[in-house]
Amino acid sequence: QVRLVESGGGLVQPGGSLTLSCEASGFKFGHYIMWWYRESPEKYREMVAEITSLGGTRYSDSANGRFLISRDMDKSTLKLYMSALTPDDAGVYYCNGAIHMVDYWGQGTQVTVSS
């Protein structure tokens, strides 16, 4: 049974940093491309970062240079390090994977950027 469980969200001041985690289970974690998405009241879910099975990465324009997506293979955990955060980065962050041709999402973790 595929499960994705996000954690690490919270309140952070503008300019601060935060690391999100997504614990994956029920599939061979390293074999699939994985994504982080953000959902905010202004926008539907938008892709923030992507990591392929070979470790290649891709970022949205707003995340490029400030965010870093990675995998901890020992813990089957997808991570997103976010720095220089602004209020525009706020929202619910979801990890996503297309596992066995089925789209899976976690429950999301809330990130609030405010002073």
Protein backbone atom coordinates (compact mmCIF):
# COMPACT_ATOMS: atom_id res chain seq x y z
CA GLN A 1 0.00 0.00 0.00
CA VAL A 2 1.52 3.28 -1.13
CA ARG A 3 1.71 5.99 1.52
CA LEU A 4 3.15 9.48 1.44
CA VAL A 5 3.26 11.40 4.71
CA GLU A 6 4.49 14.99 4.78
CA SER A 7 5.85 16.83 7.79
CA GLY A 8 7.98 19.82 8.70
CA GLY A 9 5.64 22.67 7.90
CA GLY A 10 5.06 25.55 10.24
CA LEU A 11 5.36 29.29 10.76
CA VAL A 12 8.54 30.95 9.54
CA GLN A 13 9.54 34.58 9.25
CA PRO A 14 10.24 36.14 5.86
CA GLY A 15 13.80 35.40 4.88
CA GLY A 16 13.86 32.25 6.95
CA SER A 17 14.29 28.64 5.94
CA LEU A 18 12.41 25.41 6.43
CA THR A 19 12.87 21.76 5.49
CA LEU A 20 9.91 19.62 4.56
CA SER A 21 9.91 15.84 4.61
CA CYS A 22 7.77 13.23 2.92
CA GLU A 23 8.07 9.70 4.25
CA ALA A 24 7.29 7.19 1.53
CA SER A 25 6.33 3.55 1.89
CA GLY A 26 4.75 0.75 -0.10
CA PHE A 27 6.88 1.09 -3.22
CA LYS A 28 10.50 1.16 -4.35
CA PHE A 29 11.17 4.77 -3.44
CA GLY A 30 14.22 5.28 -5.61
CA HIS A 31 12.60 4.00 -8.77
CA TYR A 32 10.10 6.77 -9.34
CA ILE A 33 10.13 10.45 -10.16
CA MET A 34 8.77 12.49 -7.25
CA TRP A 35 7.46 16.03 -6.93
CA TRP A 36 6.68 18.70 -4.38
CA TYR A 37 3.62 20.82 -5.10
CA ARG A 38 2.24 23.89 -3.37
CA GLU A 39 -1.40 24.87 -3.08
CA SER A 40 -2.48 28.33 -2.01
CA PRO A 41 -5.81 30.18 -2.01
CA GLU A 42 -4.69 32.14 -5.07
CA LYS A 43 -3.45 29.23 -7.11
CA TYR A 44 -4.32 25.65 -7.67
CA ARG A 45 -1.57 23.16 -6.93
CA GLU A 46 1.58 24.17 -8.74
CA MET A 47 4.72 22.15 -9.15
CA VAL A 48 7.57 23.47 -7.03
CA ALA A 49 10.29 20.86 -7.45
CA GLU A 50 10.92 17.54 -9.16
CA ILE A 51 13.51 14.81 -8.71
CA THR A 52 13.96 11.91 -11.10
CA SER A 53 15.02 8.37 -10.29
CA LEU A 54 18.51 9.29 -11.49
CA GLY A 55 18.68 12.34 -9.24
CA GLY A 56 18.00 14.97 -11.85
CA THR A 57 16.13 17.96 -10.50
CA ARG A 58 13.88 20.68 -11.84
CA TYR A 59 12.33 23.68 -10.12
CA SER A 60 9.67 26.25 -10.73
CA ASP A 61 10.97 29.69 -11.59
CA SER A 62 10.10 30.98 -8.14
CA ALA A 63 11.83 28.09 -6.37
CA ASN A 64 14.93 27.98 -8.52
CA GLY A 65 18.00 29.00 -6.57
CA ARG A 66 16.23 28.98 -3.21
CA PHE A 67 14.81 25.46 -2.84
CA LEU A 68 16.58 22.11 -2.92
CA ILE A 69 14.82 18.79 -3.44
CA SER A 70 16.57 15.61 -2.36
CA ARG A 71 16.02 12.01 -1.38
CA ASP A 72 17.18 10.21 1.75
CA MET A 73 17.30 6.70 0.39
CA ASP A 74 18.09 5.13 3.77
CA LYS A 75 14.86 6.55 5.20
CA SER A 76 12.77 6.50 1.99
CA THR A 77 12.14 10.18 2.55
CA LEU A 78 11.73 12.98 0.07
CA LYS A 79 12.94 16.36 1.32
CA LEU A 80 12.52 19.97 0.32
CA TYR A 81 14.87 22.56 1.76
CA MET A 82 13.45 26.05 1.34
CA SER A 83 15.38 29.23 1.99
CA ALA A 84 14.86 32.98 1.66
CA LEU A 85 11.16 32.39 2.15
CA THR A 86 8.62 35.06 1.26
CA PRO A 87 4.87 35.26 1.87
CA ASP A 88 4.40 34.06 -1.72
CA ASP A 89 5.88 30.71 -0.68
CA ALA A 90 3.10 30.11 1.83
CA GLY A 91 0.61 27.34 1.25
CA VAL A 92 0.03 23.66 1.72
CA TYR A 93 2.89 21.59 0.38
CA TYR A 94 2.22 18.13 -0.97
CA CYS A 95 4.54 15.41 -2.16
CA ASN A 96 3.43 13.48 -5.18
CA GLY A 97 4.44 10.42 -7.10
CA ALA A 98 3.02 8.46 -10.00
CA ILE A 99 3.48 4.95 -8.66
CA HIS A 100 2.49 2.02 -10.85
CA MET A 101 0.70 4.58 -13.07
CA VAL A 102 -1.47 5.79 -10.20
CA ASP A 103 -1.17 9.36 -8.89
CA TYR A 104 -0.53 9.44 -5.13
CA TRP A 105 -0.60 12.45 -2.83
CA GLY A 106 0.17 12.94 0.80
CA GLN A 107 -2.10 14.84 3.18
CA GLY A 108 -0.02 18.01 2.90
CA THR A 109 1.85 20.19 5.37
CA GLN A 110 1.08 23.87 5.92
CA VAL A 111 3.76 26.50 5.50
CA THR A 112 3.04 30.01 6.75
CA VAL A 113 5.46 32.85 6.09
CA SER A 114 4.78 35.83 8.27
CA SER A 115 6.45 38.21 10.68
